[in-house]
N, C-alpha and C. Protein backbone atom coordinates (compact mmCIF):
# COMPACT_ATOMS: atom_id res chain seq x y z
N MET A 1 0.84 -1.19 0.00
CA MET A 1 0.00 0.00 0.00
C MET A 1 0.88 1.24 0.00
N THR A 2 0.43 2.22 -0.70
CA THR A 2 1.11 3.48 -0.80
C THR A 2 0.43 4.48 0.12
N ARG A 3 1.23 5.31 0.77
CA ARG A 3 0.68 6.35 1.64
C ARG A 3 0.63 7.66 0.85
N HIS A 4 -0.53 8.31 0.88
CA HIS A 4 -0.74 9.57 0.17
C HIS A 4 -0.97 10.69 1.18
N THR A 5 -0.45 11.86 0.87
CA THR A 5 -0.66 13.03 1.72
C THR A 5 -1.00 14.22 0.83
N ALA A 6 -1.93 15.03 1.28
CA ALA A 6 -2.31 16.23 0.54
C ALA A 6 -2.51 17.38 1.50
N ARG A 7 -2.04 18.57 1.12
CA ARG A 7 -2.32 19.79 1.88
C ARG A 7 -3.70 20.27 1.48
N LEU A 8 -4.48 20.66 2.46
CA LEU A 8 -5.86 21.07 2.21
C LEU A 8 -5.99 22.57 2.43
N ARG A 9 -6.08 23.32 1.33
CA ARG A 9 -6.15 24.78 1.41
C ARG A 9 -7.42 25.35 0.80
N SER A 10 -8.23 24.51 0.18
CA SER A 10 -9.46 24.98 -0.44
C SER A 10 -10.52 23.89 -0.35
N PRO A 11 -11.78 24.25 -0.56
CA PRO A 11 -12.82 23.22 -0.58
C PRO A 11 -12.52 22.12 -1.61
N ALA A 12 -11.96 22.50 -2.74
CA ALA A 12 -11.62 21.51 -3.76
C ALA A 12 -10.55 20.54 -3.26
N ASP A 13 -9.60 21.03 -2.46
CA ASP A 13 -8.58 20.15 -1.87
C ASP A 13 -9.23 19.12 -0.94
N PHE A 14 -10.17 19.59 -0.10
CA PHE A 14 -10.88 18.68 0.80
C PHE A 14 -11.63 17.63 -0.02
N GLY A 15 -12.32 18.08 -1.04
CA GLY A 15 -13.12 17.17 -1.87
C GLY A 15 -12.28 16.12 -2.56
N LEU A 16 -11.15 16.54 -3.13
CA LEU A 16 -10.28 15.60 -3.83
C LEU A 16 -9.70 14.58 -2.85
N ALA A 17 -9.32 15.03 -1.66
CA ALA A 17 -8.77 14.10 -0.66
C ALA A 17 -9.82 13.08 -0.24
N VAL A 18 -11.05 13.52 -0.04
CA VAL A 18 -12.13 12.59 0.33
C VAL A 18 -12.35 11.59 -0.81
N GLN A 19 -12.40 12.09 -2.02
CA GLN A 19 -12.63 11.21 -3.18
C GLN A 19 -11.51 10.17 -3.31
N GLN A 20 -10.26 10.61 -3.22
CA GLN A 20 -9.14 9.70 -3.39
C GLN A 20 -9.09 8.65 -2.27
N ALA A 21 -9.37 9.07 -1.04
CA ALA A 21 -9.39 8.13 0.08
C ALA A 21 -10.54 7.13 -0.08
N ARG A 22 -11.68 7.61 -0.54
CA ARG A 22 -12.84 6.73 -0.76
C ARG A 22 -12.52 5.69 -1.84
N LEU A 23 -11.95 6.15 -2.94
CA LEU A 23 -11.60 5.24 -4.03
C LEU A 23 -10.53 4.24 -3.61
N ALA A 24 -9.57 4.70 -2.81
CA ALA A 24 -8.51 3.81 -2.34
C ALA A 24 -9.07 2.67 -1.51
N ARG A 25 -10.21 2.88 -0.90
CA ARG A 25 -10.86 1.84 -0.09
C ARG A 25 -11.90 1.07 -0.87
N GLY A 26 -12.05 1.42 -2.15
CA GLY A 26 -12.98 0.70 -3.00
C GLY A 26 -14.44 0.97 -2.70
N LEU A 27 -14.73 2.14 -2.15
CA LEU A 27 -16.11 2.50 -1.80
C LEU A 27 -16.73 3.37 -2.88
N THR A 28 -18.02 3.18 -3.08
CA THR A 28 -18.77 4.11 -3.93
C THR A 28 -19.23 5.28 -3.05
N GLN A 29 -19.69 6.34 -3.70
CA GLN A 29 -20.25 7.44 -2.93
C GLN A 29 -21.44 6.97 -2.11
N ARG A 30 -22.24 6.11 -2.68
CA ARG A 30 -23.42 5.60 -1.98
C ARG A 30 -23.03 4.80 -0.74
N GLN A 31 -21.99 3.98 -0.85
CA GLN A 31 -21.54 3.19 0.29
C GLN A 31 -20.99 4.08 1.40
N LEU A 32 -20.19 5.09 1.03
CA LEU A 32 -19.66 6.01 2.03
C LEU A 32 -20.79 6.78 2.70
N ALA A 33 -21.74 7.23 1.91
CA ALA A 33 -22.88 7.96 2.47
C ALA A 33 -23.65 7.09 3.46
N ALA A 34 -23.83 5.82 3.13
CA ALA A 34 -24.55 4.92 4.04
C ALA A 34 -23.78 4.75 5.35
N GLU A 35 -22.45 4.64 5.25
CA GLU A 35 -21.62 4.52 6.46
C GLU A 35 -21.76 5.75 7.36
N LEU A 36 -21.91 6.91 6.74
CA LEU A 36 -21.97 8.18 7.47
C LEU A 36 -23.40 8.60 7.78
N ASP A 37 -24.36 7.86 7.25
CA ASP A 37 -25.78 8.19 7.43
C ASP A 37 -26.10 9.59 6.90
N VAL A 38 -25.60 9.86 5.70
CA VAL A 38 -25.90 11.12 5.00
C VAL A 38 -26.35 10.75 3.59
N PRO A 39 -27.04 11.66 2.91
CA PRO A 39 -27.42 11.38 1.52
C PRO A 39 -26.18 11.29 0.61
N GLN A 40 -26.29 10.50 -0.43
CA GLN A 40 -25.19 10.38 -1.41
C GLN A 40 -24.87 11.74 -2.00
N SER A 41 -25.87 12.60 -2.14
CA SER A 41 -25.65 13.93 -2.71
C SER A 41 -24.69 14.76 -1.85
N THR A 42 -24.66 14.51 -0.54
CA THR A 42 -23.73 15.22 0.34
C THR A 42 -22.30 14.85 -0.01
N ILE A 43 -22.05 13.57 -0.22
CA ILE A 43 -20.71 13.11 -0.60
C ILE A 43 -20.33 13.71 -1.94
N SER A 44 -21.27 13.73 -2.88
CA SER A 44 -21.02 14.31 -4.19
C SER A 44 -20.64 15.78 -4.10
N GLU A 45 -21.37 16.52 -3.28
CA GLU A 45 -21.08 17.96 -3.12
C GLU A 45 -19.70 18.17 -2.51
N ILE A 46 -19.36 17.39 -1.50
CA ILE A 46 -18.05 17.52 -0.86
C ILE A 46 -16.95 17.22 -1.88
N GLU A 47 -17.10 16.10 -2.60
CA GLU A 47 -16.07 15.69 -3.56
C GLU A 47 -15.94 16.67 -4.72
N SER A 48 -17.01 17.35 -5.06
CA SER A 48 -16.94 18.31 -6.17
C SER A 48 -16.34 19.64 -5.74
N GLY A 49 -16.02 19.77 -4.44
CA GLY A 49 -15.36 20.98 -3.96
C GLY A 49 -16.32 22.09 -3.58
N LYS A 50 -17.59 21.75 -3.40
CA LYS A 50 -18.56 22.78 -2.99
C LYS A 50 -18.11 23.40 -1.67
N ALA A 51 -18.10 24.70 -1.63
CA ALA A 51 -17.65 25.43 -0.44
C ALA A 51 -18.78 25.51 0.57
N THR A 52 -18.87 24.53 1.44
CA THR A 52 -19.90 24.57 2.48
C THR A 52 -19.49 25.58 3.54
N ILE A 53 -20.46 26.00 4.32
CA ILE A 53 -20.19 26.97 5.39
C ILE A 53 -19.15 26.43 6.36
N TYR A 54 -19.21 25.13 6.62
CA TYR A 54 -18.27 24.54 7.58
C TYR A 54 -16.84 24.53 7.04
N ILE A 55 -16.68 24.16 5.79
CA ILE A 55 -15.34 24.16 5.21
C ILE A 55 -14.80 25.57 5.10
N ARG A 56 -15.65 26.52 4.71
CA ARG A 56 -15.20 27.92 4.63
C ARG A 56 -14.75 28.42 6.00
N ARG A 57 -15.50 28.07 7.04
CA ARG A 57 -15.11 28.50 8.40
C ARG A 57 -13.79 27.86 8.81
N LEU A 58 -13.65 26.59 8.56
CA LEU A 58 -12.39 25.92 8.89
C LEU A 58 -11.20 26.58 8.18
N LEU A 59 -11.38 26.88 6.90
CA LEU A 59 -10.29 27.51 6.14
C LEU A 59 -10.00 28.92 6.66
N SER A 60 -11.04 29.66 7.05
CA SER A 60 -10.83 30.99 7.63
C SER A 60 -10.08 30.91 8.95
N ILE A 61 -10.47 29.97 9.80
CA ILE A 61 -9.77 29.77 11.07
C ILE A 61 -8.30 29.42 10.81
N ALA A 62 -8.07 28.53 9.86
CA ALA A 62 -6.70 28.13 9.54
C ALA A 62 -5.88 29.32 9.06
N ARG A 63 -6.47 30.13 8.20
CA ARG A 63 -5.75 31.28 7.65
C ARG A 63 -5.36 32.26 8.76
N VAL A 64 -6.28 32.54 9.67
CA VAL A 64 -6.04 33.51 10.74
C VAL A 64 -5.05 32.97 11.79
N THR A 65 -5.14 31.69 12.08
CA THR A 65 -4.30 31.11 13.14
C THR A 65 -3.01 30.50 12.64
N GLY A 66 -2.86 30.37 11.33
CA GLY A 66 -1.66 29.73 10.79
C GLY A 66 -1.74 28.21 10.81
N LEU A 67 -2.91 27.68 11.11
CA LEU A 67 -3.12 26.23 11.14
C LEU A 67 -3.08 25.69 9.71
N GLU A 68 -2.51 24.51 9.56
CA GLU A 68 -2.45 23.87 8.25
C GLU A 68 -3.16 22.52 8.33
N PHE A 69 -4.03 22.26 7.36
CA PHE A 69 -4.73 20.98 7.29
C PHE A 69 -4.02 20.09 6.28
N ALA A 70 -3.94 18.81 6.61
CA ALA A 70 -3.40 17.82 5.68
C ALA A 70 -4.22 16.56 5.82
N ALA A 71 -4.31 15.82 4.74
CA ALA A 71 -5.00 14.54 4.74
C ALA A 71 -4.00 13.47 4.37
N THR A 72 -4.07 12.34 5.04
CA THR A 72 -3.22 11.21 4.74
C THR A 72 -4.08 9.96 4.63
N TRP A 73 -3.86 9.19 3.59
CA TRP A 73 -4.60 7.94 3.42
C TRP A 73 -3.71 6.94 2.72
N GLU A 74 -4.06 5.68 2.88
CA GLU A 74 -3.32 4.62 2.22
C GLU A 74 -4.15 4.06 1.10
N GLY A 75 -3.51 3.74 0.01
CA GLY A 75 -4.21 3.17 -1.13
C GLY A 75 -3.30 2.27 -1.92
N ASP A 76 -3.90 1.41 -2.67
CA ASP A 76 -3.19 0.48 -3.51
C ASP A 76 -2.96 1.14 -4.86
N ASP A 77 -1.73 1.08 -5.38
CA ASP A 77 -1.43 1.69 -6.66
C ASP A 77 -1.89 0.83 -7.84
N ALA A 78 -2.31 -0.39 -7.58
CA ALA A 78 -2.76 -1.27 -8.68
C ALA A 78 -4.05 -0.73 -9.27
N PRO A 79 -4.16 -0.78 -10.61
CA PRO A 79 -5.40 -0.31 -11.23
C PRO A 79 -6.58 -1.18 -10.82
N ARG A 80 -7.73 -0.55 -10.69
CA ARG A 80 -8.95 -1.28 -10.34
C ARG A 80 -9.68 -1.67 -11.61
N SER A 81 -10.24 -2.86 -11.58
CA SER A 81 -11.00 -3.29 -12.78
C SER A 81 -12.48 -3.11 -12.59
């Protein structure tokens, strides 16, 4: 397994990290949504980089405080069929 790390500076960064981590685990958006008890559309919005109020607030707090967000996940580099 390969370890992946991404700096999260925008809603799109958060979305891409969620998508890549989900795919690395072989989950569909629907499966992830079921695990989290949220609609599949919520996962879609997050992965598409939609700037939700919560993500915007987190990014504002990070900017003001100098906090840096990063995501780390493990995934298999083998192509999926």
